Amino acid sequence: MFLAICAWLACANMAAYAVFALDKRAAIRGDWRVRESTLLMLAAAGGAFGAVLAQNVLRHKTRKEPFRTQLYVIIGLELALVGALSLPPVRQAITDYVATPAAEEFESYRTPPDDNFNDF
């Protein structure tokens, strides 16, 4: 699970950086631009650090308000989530909440079916 989350975050950050770069190129050329809501959604999907890196390296959307503030709010929320997940009681509560229904459902598939299906 940990590796899957790391892979997701790596892909999300690379995608956010790439889309910021495409938007910067479109801004320079005067072409159609990527919507700010799309850029923020990529950041919220786990690509916030890639978005900020692109913002600083490419000098793109560094002064644009409220976009900049919204991006930093997303980063704050992601950091709070990571901080909360690093606490053992929170992590255990989430694991119990997520794993229990799945385990019960799995057990229902493992029980053998009734042999009384010919009782019509």
PDB file of N, CA and C in Angstrom:
ATOM      1  N   MET A   1       0.822  -1.188   0.000  1.00  0.00           N
ATOM      2  CA  MET A   1       0.000   0.000   0.000  1.00  0.00           C
ATOM      3  C   MET A   1       0.872   1.260   0.000  1.00  0.00           C
ATOM      4  N   PHE A   2       1.933   1.221   0.811  1.00  0.00           N
ATOM      5  CA  PHE A   2       2.835   2.368   0.895  1.00  0.00           C
ATOM      6  C   PHE A   2       3.471   2.655  -0.459  1.00  0.00           C
ATOM      7  N   LEU A   3       3.911   1.606  -1.158  1.00  0.00           N
ATOM      8  CA  LEU A   3       4.530   1.806  -2.472  1.00  0.00           C
ATOM      9  C   LEU A   3       3.532   2.336  -3.487  1.00  0.00           C
ATOM     10  N   ALA A   4       2.286   1.896  -3.392  1.00  0.00           N
ATOM     11  CA  ALA A   4       1.260   2.395  -4.308  1.00  0.00           C
ATOM     12  C   ALA A   4       1.023   3.886  -4.086  1.00  0.00           C
ATOM     13  N   ILE A   5       0.998   4.299  -2.832  1.00  0.00           N
ATOM     14  CA  ILE A   5       0.807   5.720  -2.526  1.00  0.00           C
ATOM     15  C   ILE A   5       1.994   6.529  -3.025  1.00  0.00           C
ATOM     16  N   CYS A   6       3.202   6.025  -2.815  1.00  0.00           N
ATOM     17  CA  CYS A   6       4.396   6.716  -3.302  1.00  0.00           C
ATOM     18  C   CYS A   6       4.386   6.837  -4.828  1.00  0.00           C
ATOM     19  N   ALA A   7       3.985   5.767  -5.504  1.00  0.00           N
ATOM     20  CA  ALA A   7       3.911   5.800  -6.968  1.00  0.00           C
ATOM     21  C   ALA A   7       2.877   6.808  -7.436  1.00  0.00           C
ATOM     22  N   TRP A   8       1.721   6.833  -6.757  1.00  0.00           N
ATOM     23  CA  TRP A   8       0.672   7.793  -7.103  1.00  0.00           C
ATOM     24  C   TRP A   8       1.183   9.221  -6.945  1.00  0.00           C
ATOM     25  N   LEU A   9       1.821   9.504  -5.820  1.00  0.00           N
ATOM     26  CA  LEU A   9       2.314  10.857  -5.567  1.00  0.00           C
ATOM     27  C   LEU A   9       3.394  11.257  -6.562  1.00  0.00           C
ATOM     28  N   ALA A  10       4.266  10.325  -6.917  1.00  0.00           N
ATOM     29  CA  ALA A  10       5.304  10.619  -7.902  1.00  0.00           C
ATOM     30  C   ALA A  10       4.675  10.967  -9.250  1.00  0.00           C
ATOM     31  N   CYS A  11       3.714  10.172  -9.680  1.00  0.00           N
ATOM     32  CA  CYS A  11       3.038  10.432 -10.960  1.00  0.00           C
ATOM     33  C   CYS A  11       2.254  11.739 -10.920  1.00  0.00           C
ATOM     34  N   ALA A  12       1.559  11.981  -9.819  1.00  0.00           N
ATOM     35  CA  ALA A  12       0.763  13.210  -9.701  1.00  0.00           C
ATOM     36  C   ALA A  12       1.655  14.439  -9.738  1.00  0.00           C
ATOM     37  N   ASN A  13       2.800  14.391  -9.070  1.00  0.00           N
ATOM     38  CA  ASN A  13       3.703  15.540  -9.061  1.00  0.00           C
ATOM     39  C   ASN A  13       4.354  15.758 -10.420  1.00  0.00           C
ATOM     40  N   MET A  14       4.723  14.666 -11.100  1.00  0.00           N
ATOM     41  CA  MET A  14       5.288  14.812 -12.447  1.00  0.00           C
ATOM     42  C   MET A  14       4.243  15.365 -13.414  1.00  0.00           C
ATOM     43  N   ALA A  15       3.002  14.895 -13.294  1.00  0.00           N
ATOM     44  CA  ALA A  15       1.931  15.386 -14.163  1.00  0.00           C
ATOM     45  C   ALA A  15       1.662  16.867 -13.899  1.00  0.00           C
ATOM     46  N   ALA A  16       1.630  17.257 -12.627  1.00  0.00           N
ATOM     47  CA  ALA A  16       1.388  18.666 -12.299  1.00  0.00           C
ATOM     48  C   ALA A  16       2.498  19.537 -12.875  1.00  0.00           C
ATOM     49  N   TYR A  17       3.743  19.121 -12.718  1.00  0.00           N
ATOM     50  CA  TYR A  17       4.864  19.889 -13.256  1.00  0.00           C
ATOM     51  C   TYR A  17       4.747  20.004 -14.776  1.00  0.00           C
ATOM     52  N   ALA A  18       4.433  18.891 -15.430  1.00  0.00           N
ATOM     53  CA  ALA A  18       4.333  18.885 -16.895  1.00  0.00           C
ATOM     54  C   ALA A  18       3.209  19.797 -17.381  1.00  0.00           C
ATOM     55  N   VAL A  19       2.071  19.768 -16.710  1.00  0.00           N
ATOM     56  CA  VAL A  19       0.949  20.608 -17.141  1.00  0.00           C
ATOM     57  C   VAL A  19       1.257  22.080 -16.879  1.00  0.00           C
ATOM     58  N   PHE A  20       1.928  22.388 -15.780  1.00  0.00           N
ATOM     59  CA  PHE A  20       2.364  23.767 -15.545  1.00  0.00           C
ATOM     60  C   PHE A  20       3.311  24.219 -16.651  1.00  0.00           C
ATOM     61  N   ALA A  21       4.225  23.330 -17.069  1.00  0.00           N
ATOM     62  CA  ALA A  21       5.163  23.667 -18.141  1.00  0.00           C
ATOM     63  C   ALA A  21       4.424  23.904 -19.459  1.00  0.00           C
ATOM     64  N   LEU A  22       3.441  23.054 -19.754  1.00  0.00           N
ATOM     65  CA  LEU A  22       2.642  23.260 -20.972  1.00  0.00           C
ATOM     66  C   LEU A  22       1.881  24.580 -20.922  1.00  0.00           C
ATOM     67  N   ASP A  23       1.346  24.916 -19.768  1.00  0.00           N
ATOM     68  CA  ASP A  23       0.620  26.171 -19.629  1.00  0.00           C
ATOM     69  C   ASP A  23       1.562  27.367 -19.765  1.00  0.00           C
ATOM     70  N   LYS A  24       2.758  27.246 -19.243  1.00  0.00           N
ATOM     71  CA  LYS A  24       3.744  28.323 -19.384  1.00  0.00           C
ATOM     72  C   LYS A  24       4.093  28.519 -20.847  1.00  0.00           C
ATOM     73  N   ARG A  25       4.293  27.420 -21.571  1.00  0.00           N
ATOM     74  CA  ARG A  25       4.595  27.519 -23.002  1.00  0.00           C
ATOM     75  C   ARG A  25       3.429  28.161 -23.753  1.00  0.00           C
ATOM     76  N   ALA A  26       2.201  27.752 -23.404  1.00  0.00           N
ATOM     77  CA  ALA A  26       1.027  28.341 -24.060  1.00  0.00           C
ATOM     78  C   ALA A  26       0.914  29.829 -23.743  1.00  0.00           C
ATOM     79  N   ALA A  27       1.273  30.223 -22.539  1.00  0.00           N
ATOM     80  CA  ALA A  27       1.222  31.641 -22.166  1.00  0.00           C
ATOM     81  C   ALA A  27       2.224  32.450 -22.986  1.00  0.00           C
ATOM     82  N   ILE A  28       3.396  31.902 -23.192  1.00  0.00           N
ATOM     83  CA  ILE A  28       4.424  32.601 -23.968  1.00  0.00           C
ATOM     84  C   ILE A  28       4.005  32.729 -25.421  1.00  0.00           C
ATOM     85  N   ARG A  29       3.424  31.672 -25.972  1.00  0.00           N
ATOM     86  CA  ARG A  29       3.037  31.654 -27.384  1.00  0.00           C
ATOM     87  C   ARG A  29       1.698  32.328 -27.658  1.00  0.00           C
ATOM     88  N   GLY A  30       0.937  32.578 -26.621  1.00  0.00           N
ATOM     89  CA  GLY A  30      -0.382  33.158 -26.811  1.00  0.00           C
ATOM     90  C   GLY A  30      -1.423  32.134 -27.232  1.00  0.00           C
ATOM     91  N   ASP A  31      -1.174  30.860 -26.969  1.00  0.00           N
ATOM     92  CA  ASP A  31      -2.100  29.789 -27.324  1.00  0.00           C
ATOM     93  C   ASP A  31      -3.154  29.614 -26.240  1.00  0.00           C
ATOM     94  N   TRP A  32      -4.041  28.627 -26.474  1.00  0.00           N
ATOM     95  CA  TRP A  32      -5.042  28.285 -25.470  1.00  0.00           C
ATOM     96  C   TRP A  32      -4.356  27.818 -24.208  1.00  0.00           C
ATOM     97  N   ARG A  33      -4.899  28.242 -23.076  1.00  0.00           N
ATOM     98  CA  ARG A  33      -4.276  27.976 -21.782  1.00  0.00           C
ATOM     99  C   ARG A  33      -5.003  26.867 -21.037  1.00  0.00           C
ATOM    100  N   VAL A  34      -4.325  26.309 -20.052  1.00  0.00           N
ATOM    101  CA  VAL A  34      -4.914  25.324 -19.148  1.00  0.00           C
ATOM    102  C   VAL A  34      -5.694  26.105 -18.092  1.00  0.00           C
ATOM    103  N   ARG A  35      -6.898  25.652 -17.786  1.00  0.00           N
ATOM    104  CA  ARG A  35      -7.707  26.349 -16.787  1.00  0.00           C
ATOM    105  C   ARG A  35      -7.041  26.266 -15.413  1.00  0.00           C
ATOM    106  N   GLU A  36      -7.204  27.320 -14.637  1.00  0.00           N
ATOM    107  CA  GLU A  36      -6.651  27.330 -13.288  1.00  0.00           C
ATOM    108  C   GLU A  36      -7.272  26.229 -12.431  1.00  0.00           C
ATOM    109  N   SER A  37      -8.548  25.947 -12.669  1.00  0.00           N
ATOM    110  CA  SER A  37      -9.197  24.886 -11.892  1.00  0.00           C
ATOM    111  C   SER A  37      -8.545  23.528 -12.173  1.00  0.00           C
ATOM    112  N   THR A  38      -8.097  23.306 -13.393  1.00  0.00           N
ATOM    113  CA  THR A  38      -7.404  22.067 -13.729  1.00  0.00           C
ATOM    114  C   THR A  38      -6.057  21.988 -13.014  1.00  0.00           C
ATOM    115  N   LEU A  39      -5.343  23.091 -12.988  1.00  0.00           N
ATOM    116  CA  LEU A  39      -4.059  23.122 -12.300  1.00  0.00           C
ATOM    117  C   LEU A  39      -4.240  22.865 -10.805  1.00  0.00           C
ATOM    118  N   LEU A  40      -5.275  23.451 -10.229  1.00  0.00           N
ATOM    119  CA  LEU A  40      -5.533  23.243  -8.804  1.00  0.00           C
ATOM    120  C   LEU A  40      -5.990  21.816  -8.519  1.00  0.00           C
ATOM    121  N   MET A  41      -6.752  21.219  -9.432  1.00  0.00           N
ATOM    122  CA  MET A  41      -7.182  19.828  -9.247  1.00  0.00           C
ATOM    123  C   MET A  41      -5.980  18.881  -9.277  1.00  0.00           C
ATOM    124  N   LEU A  42      -5.032  19.144 -10.163  1.00  0.00           N
ATOM    125  CA  LEU A  42      -3.819  18.326 -10.197  1.00  0.00           C
ATOM    126  C   LEU A  42      -3.055  18.448  -8.884  1.00  0.00           C
ATOM    127  N   ALA A  43      -3.008  19.646  -8.351  1.00  0.00           N
ATOM    128  CA  ALA A  43      -2.340  19.852  -7.064  1.00  0.00           C
ATOM    129  C   ALA A  43      -3.082  19.121  -5.955  1.00  0.00           C
ATOM    130  N   ALA A  44      -4.401  19.192  -5.966  1.00  0.00           N
ATOM    131  CA  ALA A  44      -5.201  18.541  -4.928  1.00  0.00           C
ATOM    132  C   ALA A  44      -5.152  17.019  -5.042  1.00  0.00           C
ATOM    133  N   ALA A  45      -4.880  16.510  -6.216  1.00  0.00           N
ATOM    134  CA  ALA A  45      -4.803  15.058  -6.416  1.00  0.00           C
ATOM    135  C   ALA A  45      -3.459  14.489  -5.981  1.00  0.00           C
ATOM    136  N   GLY A  46      -2.638  15.318  -5.356  1.00  0.00           N
ATOM    137  CA  GLY A  46      -1.358  14.846  -4.848  1.00  0.00           C
ATOM    138  C   GLY A  46      -0.161  15.499  -5.503  1.00  0.00           C
ATOM    139  N   GLY A  47      -0.393  16.365  -6.472  1.00  0.00           N
ATOM    140  CA  GLY A  47       0.710  16.991  -7.191  1.00  0.00           C
ATOM    141  C   GLY A  47       1.045  18.392  -6.733  1.00  0.00           C
ATOM    142  N   ALA A  48       0.756  18.711  -5.488  1.00  0.00           N
ATOM    143  CA  ALA A  48       0.963  20.076  -4.997  1.00  0.00           C
ATOM    144  C   ALA A  48       2.436  20.472  -5.006  1.00  0.00           C
ATOM    145  N   PHE A  49       3.308  19.563  -4.621  1.00  0.00           N
ATOM    146  CA  PHE A  49       4.724  19.914  -4.568  1.00  0.00           C
ATOM    147  C   PHE A  49       5.316  20.054  -5.966  1.00  0.00           C
ATOM    148  N   GLY A  50       4.846  19.254  -6.909  1.00  0.00           N
ATOM    149  CA  GLY A  50       5.260  19.434  -8.296  1.00  0.00           C
ATOM    150  C   GLY A  50       4.760  20.755  -8.857  1.00  0.00           C
ATOM    151  N   ALA A  51       3.565  21.146  -8.443  1.00  0.00           N
ATOM    152  CA  ALA A  51       3.011  22.425  -8.888  1.00  0.00           C
ATOM    153  C   ALA A  51       3.828  23.595  -8.356  1.00  0.00           C
ATOM    154  N   VAL A  52       4.184  23.544  -7.088  1.00  0.00           N
ATOM    155  CA  VAL A  52       4.976  24.633  -6.496  1.00  0.00           C
ATOM    156  C   VAL A  52       6.382  24.656  -7.091  1.00  0.00           C
ATOM    157  N   LEU A  53       6.951  23.475  -7.322  1.00  0.00           N
ATOM    158  CA  LEU A  53       8.265  23.418  -7.952  1.00  0.00           C
ATOM    159  C   LEU A  53       8.212  24.057  -9.340  1.00  0.00           C
ATOM    160  N   ALA A  54       7.195  23.714 -10.118  1.00  0.00           N
ATOM    161  CA  ALA A  54       7.034  24.303 -11.454  1.00  0.00           C
ATOM    162  C   ALA A  54       6.810  25.808 -11.354  1.00  0.00           C
ATOM    163  N   GLN A  55       6.026  26.221 -10.367  1.00  0.00           N
ATOM    164  CA  GLN A  55       5.770  27.646 -10.176  1.00  0.00           C
ATOM    165  C   GLN A  55       7.077  28.399  -9.977  1.00  0.00           C
ATOM    166  N   ASN A  56       7.960  27.857  -9.159  1.00  0.00           N
ATOM    167  CA  ASN A  56       9.208  28.551  -8.843  1.00  0.00           C
ATOM    168  C   ASN A  56      10.260  28.402  -9.937  1.00  0.00           C
ATOM    169  N   VAL A  57      10.391  27.201 -10.502  1.00  0.00           N
ATOM    170  CA  VAL A  57      11.409  26.981 -11.538  1.00  0.00           C
ATOM    171  C   VAL A  57      11.036  27.706 -12.825  1.00  0.00           C
ATOM    172  N   LEU A  58       9.773  27.607 -13.212  1.00  0.00           N
ATOM    173  CA  LEU A  58       9.320  28.200 -14.475  1.00  0.00           C
ATOM    174  C   LEU A  58       8.868  29.648 -14.317  1.00  0.00           C
ATOM    175  N   ARG A  59       8.781  30.117 -13.087  1.00  0.00           N
ATOM    176  CA  ARG A  59       8.261  31.458 -12.778  1.00  0.00           C
ATOM    177  C   ARG A  59       6.891  31.667 -13.432  1.00  0.00           C
ATOM    178  N   HIS A  60       6.004  30.732 -13.103  1.00  0.00           N
ATOM    179  CA  HIS A  60       4.682  30.731 -13.710  1.00  0.00           C
ATOM    180  C   HIS A  60       3.621  30.811 -12.627  1.00  0.00           C
ATOM    181  N   LYS A  61       2.739  31.777 -12.732  1.00  0.00           N
ATOM    182  CA  LYS A  61       1.635  31.996 -11.794  1.00  0.00           C
ATOM    183  C   LYS A  61       2.133  32.254 -10.372  1.00  0.00           C
ATOM    184  N   THR A  62       3.235  32.967 -10.258  1.00  0.00           N
ATOM    185  CA  THR A  62       3.792  33.244  -8.934  1.00  0.00           C
ATOM    186  C   THR A  62       3.114  34.431  -8.258  1.00  0.00           C
ATOM    187  N   ARG A  63       2.529  35.339  -9.043  1.00  0.00           N
ATOM    188  CA  ARG A  63       1.871  36.502  -8.457  1.00  0.00           C
ATOM    189  C   ARG A  63       0.361  36.492  -8.632  1.00  0.00           C
ATOM    190  N   LYS A  64      -0.155  35.478  -9.275  1.00  0.00           N
ATOM    191  CA  LYS A  64      -1.587  35.402  -9.588  1.00  0.00           C
ATOM    192  C   LYS A  64      -2.388  35.053  -8.333  1.00  0.00           C
ATOM    193  N   GLU A  65      -3.250  35.963  -7.915  1.00  0.00           N
ATOM    194  CA  GLU A  65      -4.151  35.714  -6.775  1.00  0.00           C
ATOM    195  C   GLU A  65      -5.564  35.531  -7.320  1.00  0.00           C
ATOM    196  N   PRO A  66      -6.392  34.718  -6.758  1.00  0.00           N
ATOM    197  CA  PRO A  66      -6.251  33.913  -5.549  1.00  0.00           C
ATOM    198  C   PRO A  66      -5.611  32.549  -5.803  1.00  0.00           C
ATOM    199  N   PHE A  67      -5.132  32.310  -7.038  1.00  0.00           N
ATOM    200  CA  PHE A  67      -4.556  31.013  -7.383  1.00  0.00           C
ATOM    201  C   PHE A  67      -3.430  30.620  -6.433  1.00  0.00           C
ATOM    202  N   ARG A  68      -2.528  31.535  -6.198  1.00  0.00           N
ATOM    203  CA  ARG A  68      -1.376  31.237  -5.338  1.00  0.00           C
ATOM    204  C   ARG A  68      -1.818  30.851  -3.938  1.00  0.00           C
ATOM    205  N   THR A  69      -2.759  31.594  -3.382  1.00  0.00           N
ATOM    206  CA  THR A  69      -3.260  31.293  -2.038  1.00  0.00           C
ATOM    207  C   THR A  69      -3.955  29.942  -2.011  1.00  0.00           C
ATOM    208  N   GLN A  70      -4.757  29.656  -3.024  1.00  0.00           N
ATOM    209  CA  GLN A  70      -5.453  28.368  -3.075  1.00  0.00           C
ATOM    210  C   GLN A  70      -4.463  27.213  -3.162  1.00  0.00           C
ATOM    211  N   LEU A  71      -3.390  27.395  -3.909  1.00  0.00           N
ATOM    212  CA  LEU A  71      -2.380  26.357  -4.027  1.00  0.00           C
ATOM    213  C   LEU A  71      -1.703  26.105  -2.679  1.00  0.00           C
ATOM    214  N   TYR A  72      -1.405  27.171  -1.956  1.00  0.00           N
ATOM    215  CA  TYR A  72      -0.760  26.994  -0.653  1.00  0.00           C
ATOM    216  C   TYR A  72      -1.722  26.417   0.387  1.00  0.00           C
ATOM    217  N   VAL A  73      -3.000  26.672   0.245  1.00  0.00           N
ATOM    218  CA  VAL A  73      -3.984  26.026   1.129  1.00  0.00           C
ATOM    219  C   VAL A  73      -4.006  24.526   0.863  1.00  0.00           C
ATOM    220  N   ILE A  74      -3.949  24.134  -0.394  1.00  0.00           N
ATOM    221  CA  ILE A  74      -3.909  22.711  -0.750  1.00  0.00           C
ATOM    222  C   ILE A  74      -2.666  22.054  -0.154  1.00  0.00           C
ATOM    223  N   ILE A  75      -1.530  22.724  -0.245  1.00  0.00           N
ATOM    224  CA  ILE A  75      -0.301  22.179   0.332  1.00  0.00           C
ATOM    225  C   ILE A  75      -0.454  22.032   1.840  1.00  0.00           C
ATOM    226  N   GLY A  76      -1.028  23.020   2.486  1.00  0.00           N
ATOM    227  CA  GLY A  76      -1.249  22.934   3.929  1.00  0.00           C
ATOM    228  C   GLY A  76      -2.138  21.764   4.302  1.00  0.00           C
ATOM    229  N   LEU A  77      -3.192  21.552   3.530  1.00  0.00           N
ATOM    230  CA  LEU A  77      -4.082  20.424   3.798  1.00  0.00           C
ATOM    231  C   LEU A  77      -3.369  19.079   3.585  1.00  0.00           C
ATOM    232  N   GLU A  78      -2.557  18.999   2.537  1.00  0.00           N
ATOM    233  CA  GLU A  78      -1.823  17.757   2.293  1.00  0.00           C
ATOM    234  C   GLU A  78      -0.800  17.501   3.398  1.00  0.00           C
ATOM    235  N   LEU A  79      -0.136  18.541   3.869  1.00  0.00           N
ATOM    236  CA  LEU A  79       0.812  18.364   4.971  1.00  0.00           C
ATOM    237  C   LEU A  79       0.092  17.948   6.249  1.00  0.00           C
ATOM    238  N   ALA A  80      -1.083  18.531   6.496  1.00  0.00           N
ATOM    239  CA  ALA A  80      -1.864  18.141   7.674  1.00  0.00           C
ATOM    240  C   ALA A  80      -2.300  16.683   7.574  1.00  0.00           C
ATOM    241  N   LEU A  81      -2.685  16.255   6.383  1.00  0.00           N
ATOM    242  CA  LEU A  81      -3.074  14.859   6.180  1.00  0.00           C
ATOM    243  C   LEU A  81      -1.903  13.917   6.425  1.00  0.00           C
ATOM    244  N   VAL A  82      -0.736  14.262   5.892  1.00  0.00           N
ATOM    245  CA  VAL A  82       0.450  13.431   6.109  1.00  0.00           C
ATOM    246  C   VAL A  82       0.807  13.413   7.590  1.00  0.00           C
ATOM    247  N   GLY A  83       0.718  14.563   8.242  1.00  0.00           N
ATOM    248  CA  GLY A  83       0.992  14.614   9.675  1.00  0.00           C
ATOM    249  C   GLY A  83       0.030  13.758  10.473  1.00  0.00           C
ATOM    250  N   ALA A  84      -1.244  13.823  10.118  1.00  0.00           N
ATOM    251  CA  ALA A  84      -2.243  13.013  10.825  1.00  0.00           C
ATOM    252  C   ALA A  84      -2.006  11.526  10.585  1.00  0.00           C
ATOM    253  N   LEU A  85      -1.656  11.171   9.360  1.00  0.00           N
ATOM    254  CA  LEU A  85      -1.425   9.762   9.048  1.00  0.00           C
ATOM    255  C   LEU A  85      -0.151   9.220   9.688  1.00  0.00           C
ATOM    256  N   SER A  86       0.746  10.117  10.083  1.00  0.00           N
ATOM    257  CA  SER A  86       1.967   9.655  10.750  1.00  0.00           C
ATOM    258  C   SER A  86       1.735   9.334  12.220  1.00  0.00           C
ATOM    259  N   LEU A  87       0.592   9.743  12.763  1.00  0.00           N
ATOM    260  CA  LEU A  87       0.262   9.418  14.148  1.00  0.00           C
ATOM    261  C   LEU A  87      -0.303   8.007  14.205  1.00  0.00           C
ATOM    262  N   PRO A  88       0.293   7.128  15.019  1.00  0.00           N
ATOM    263  CA  PRO A  88      -0.162   5.730  15.062  1.00  0.00           C
ATOM    264  C   PRO A  88      -1.654   5.555  15.365  1.00  0.00           C
ATOM    265  N   PRO A  89      -2.260   6.302  16.309  1.00  0.00           N
ATOM    266  CA  PRO A  89      -3.694   6.072  16.558  1.00  0.00           C
ATOM    267  C   PRO A  89      -4.572   6.408  15.344  1.00  0.00           C
ATOM    268  N   VAL A  90      -4.207   7.457  14.626  1.00  0.00           N
ATOM    269  CA  VAL A  90      -4.985   7.842  13.444  1.00  0.00           C
ATOM    270  C   VAL A  90      -4.809   6.793  12.354  1.00  0.00           C
ATOM    271  N   ARG A  91      -3.578   6.376  12.148  1.00  0.00           N
ATOM    272  CA  ARG A  91      -3.305   5.365  11.128  1.00  0.00           C
ATOM    273  C   ARG A  91      -4.034   4.061  11.438  1.00  0.00           C
ATOM    274  N   GLN A  92      -4.046   3.666  12.715  1.00  0.00           N
ATOM    275  CA  GLN A  92      -4.729   2.436  13.116  1.00  0.00           C
ATOM    276  C   GLN A  92      -6.236   2.555  12.932  1.00  0.00           C
ATOM    277  N   ALA A  93      -6.794   3.718  13.265  1.00  0.00           N
ATOM    278  CA  ALA A  93      -8.232   3.925  13.099  1.00  0.00           C
ATOM    279  C   ALA A  93      -8.629   3.843  11.631  1.00  0.00           C
ATOM    280  N   ILE A  94      -7.829   4.415  10.767  1.00  0.00           N
ATOM    281  CA  ILE A  94      -8.125   4.365   9.332  1.00  0.00           C
ATOM    282  C   ILE A  94      -7.983   2.938   8.819  1.00  0.00           C
ATOM    283  N   THR A  95      -6.934   2.251   9.257  1.00  0.00           N
ATOM    284  CA  THR A  95      -6.738   0.861   8.837  1.00  0.00           C
ATOM    285  C   THR A  95      -7.903  -0.004   9.289  1.00  0.00           C
ATOM    286  N   ASP A  96      -8.353   0.175  10.523  1.00  0.00           N
ATOM    287  CA  ASP A  96      -9.489  -0.600  11.019  1.00  0.00           C
ATOM    288  C   ASP A  96     -10.752  -0.284  10.232  1.00  0.00           C
ATOM    289  N   TYR A  97     -10.967   0.990   9.934  1.00  0.00           N
ATOM    290  CA  TYR A  97     -12.167   1.398   9.215  1.00  0.00           C
ATOM    291  C   TYR A  97     -12.177   0.841   7.793  1.00  0.00           C
ATOM    292  N   VAL A  98     -11.041   0.885   7.130  1.00  0.00           N
ATOM    293  CA  VAL A  98     -10.962   0.443   5.739  1.00  0.00           C
ATOM    294  C   VAL A  98     -10.905  -1.077   5.640  1.00  0.00           C
ATOM    295  N   ALA A  99     -10.160  -1.715   6.509  1.00  0.00           N
ATOM    296  CA  ALA A  99      -9.918  -3.146   6.378  1.00  0.00           C
ATOM    297  C   ALA A  99     -11.089  -4.005   6.853  1.00  0.00           C
ATOM    298  N   THR A 100     -11.821  -3.583   7.852  1.00  0.00           N
ATOM    299  CA  THR A 100     -12.872  -4.425   8.422  1.00  0.00           C
ATOM    300  C   THR A 100     -13.971  -4.771   7.414  1.00  0.00           C
ATOM    301  N   PRO A 101     -14.574  -3.811   6.716  1.00  0.00           N
ATOM    302  CA  PRO A 101     -15.609  -4.201   5.753  1.00  0.00           C
ATOM    303  C   PRO A 101     -15.071  -5.091   4.632  1.00  0.00           C
ATOM    304  N   ALA A 102     -13.859  -4.830   4.196  1.00  0.00           N
ATOM    305  CA  ALA A 102     -13.293  -5.640   3.125  1.00  0.00           C
ATOM    306  C   ALA A 102     -13.067  -7.072   3.596  1.00  0.00           C
ATOM    307  N   ALA A 103     -12.588  -7.226   4.821  1.00  0.00           N
ATOM    308  CA  ALA A 103     -12.353  -8.570   5.343  1.00  0.00           C
ATOM    309  C   ALA A 103     -13.668  -9.326   5.499  1.00  0.00           C
ATOM    310  N   GLU A 104     -14.706  -8.652   5.986  1.00  0.00           N
ATOM    311  CA  GLU A 104     -16.004  -9.306   6.139  1.00  0.00           C
ATOM    312  C   GLU A 104     -16.578  -9.701   4.786  1.00  0.00           C
ATOM    313  N   GLU A 105     -16.427  -8.833   3.806  1.00  0.00           N
ATOM    314  CA  GLU A 105     -16.934  -9.144   2.474  1.00  0.00           C
ATOM    315  C   GLU A 105     -16.158 -10.313   1.880  1.00  0.00           C
ATOM    316  N   PHE A 106     -14.862 -10.347   2.089  1.00  0.00           N
ATOM    317  CA  PHE A 106     -14.048 -11.439   1.584  1.00  0.00           C
ATOM    318  C   PHE A 106     -14.483 -12.767   2.218  1.00  0.00           C
ATOM    319  N   GLU A 107     -14.761 -12.756   3.506  1.00  0.00           N
ATOM    320  CA  GLU A 107     -15.201 -13.962   4.191  1.00  0.00           C
ATOM    321  C   GLU A 107     -16.530 -14.467   3.628  1.00  0.00           C
ATOM    322  N   SER A 108     -17.416 -13.551   3.228  1.00  0.00           N
ATOM    323  CA  SER A 108     -18.698 -13.986   2.689  1.00  0.00           C
ATOM    324  C   SER A 108     -18.522 -14.711   1.352  1.00  0.00           C
ATOM    325  N   TYR A 109     -17.475 -14.384   0.613  1.00  0.00           N
ATOM    326  CA  TYR A 109     -17.213 -15.079  -0.638  1.00  0.00           C
ATOM    327  C   TYR A 109     -16.581 -16.437  -0.405  1.00  0.00           C
ATOM    328  N   ARG A 110     -15.906 -16.619   0.713  1.00  0.00           N
ATOM    329  CA  ARG A 110     -15.222 -17.870   0.998  1.00  0.00           C
ATOM    330  C   ARG A 110     -16.146 -18.937   1.559  1.00  0.00           C
ATOM    331  N   THR A 111     -17.289 -18.561   2.084  1.00  0.00           N
ATOM    332  CA  THR A 111     -18.185 -19.566   2.651  1.00  0.00           C
ATOM    333  C   THR A 111     -18.811 -20.370   1.518  1.00  0.00           C
ATOM    334  N   PRO A 112     -18.904 -21.668   1.694  1.00  0.00           N
ATOM    335  CA  PRO A 112     -19.459 -22.502   0.615  1.00  0.00           C
ATOM    336  C   PRO A 112     -20.949 -22.223   0.432  1.00  0.00           C
ATOM    337  N   PRO A 113     -21.423 -22.336  -0.771  1.00  0.00           N
ATOM    338  CA  PRO A 113     -22.844 -22.104  -1.025  1.00  0.00           C
ATOM    339  C   PRO A 113     -23.695 -23.241  -0.460  1.00  0.00           C
ATOM    340  N   ASP A 114     -24.965 -22.925  -0.253  1.00  0.00           N
ATOM    341  CA  ASP A 114     -25.885 -23.962   0.218  1.00  0.00           C
ATOM    342  C   ASP A 114     -26.107 -24.994  -0.881  1.00  0.00           C
ATOM    343  N   ASP A 115     -26.227 -26.247  -0.471  1.00  0.00           N
ATOM    344  CA  ASP A 115     -26.488 -27.311  -1.446  1.00  0.00           C
ATOM    345  C   ASP A 115     -27.979 -27.513  -1.668  1.00  0.00           C
ATOM    346  N   ASN A 116     -28.802 -26.669  -1.094  1.00  0.00           N
ATOM    347  CA  ASN A 116     -30.250 -26.820  -1.188  1.00  0.00           C
ATOM    348  C   ASN A 116     -30.839 -25.979  -2.335  1.00  0.00           C
ATOM    349  N   PHE A 117     -30.090 -25.738  -3.356  1.00  0.00           N
ATOM    350  CA  PHE A 117     -30.604 -24.925  -4.446  1.00  0.00           C
ATOM    351  C   PHE A 117     -31.558 -25.689  -5.356  1.00  0.00           C
ATOM    352  N   ASN A 118     -31.716 -27.008  -5.184  1.00  0.00           N
ATOM    353  CA  ASN A 118     -32.633 -27.800  -5.996  1.00  0.00           C
ATOM    354  C   ASN A 118     -33.970 -28.033  -5.306  1.00  0.00           C
ATOM    355  N   ASP A 119     -34.324 -27.225  -4.340  1.00  0.00           N
ATOM    356  CA  ASP A 119     -35.545 -27.407  -3.582  1.00  0.00           C
ATOM    357  C   ASP A 119     -36.767 -26.766  -4.226  1.00  0.00           C
ATOM    358  N   PHE A 120     -36.809 -26.569  -5.451  1.00  0.00           N
ATOM    359  CA  PHE A 120     -37.937 -25.882  -6.095  1.00  0.00           C
ATOM    360  C   PHE A 120     -39.172 -26.665  -5.940  1.00  0.00           C
TER     361      PHE A 120
END
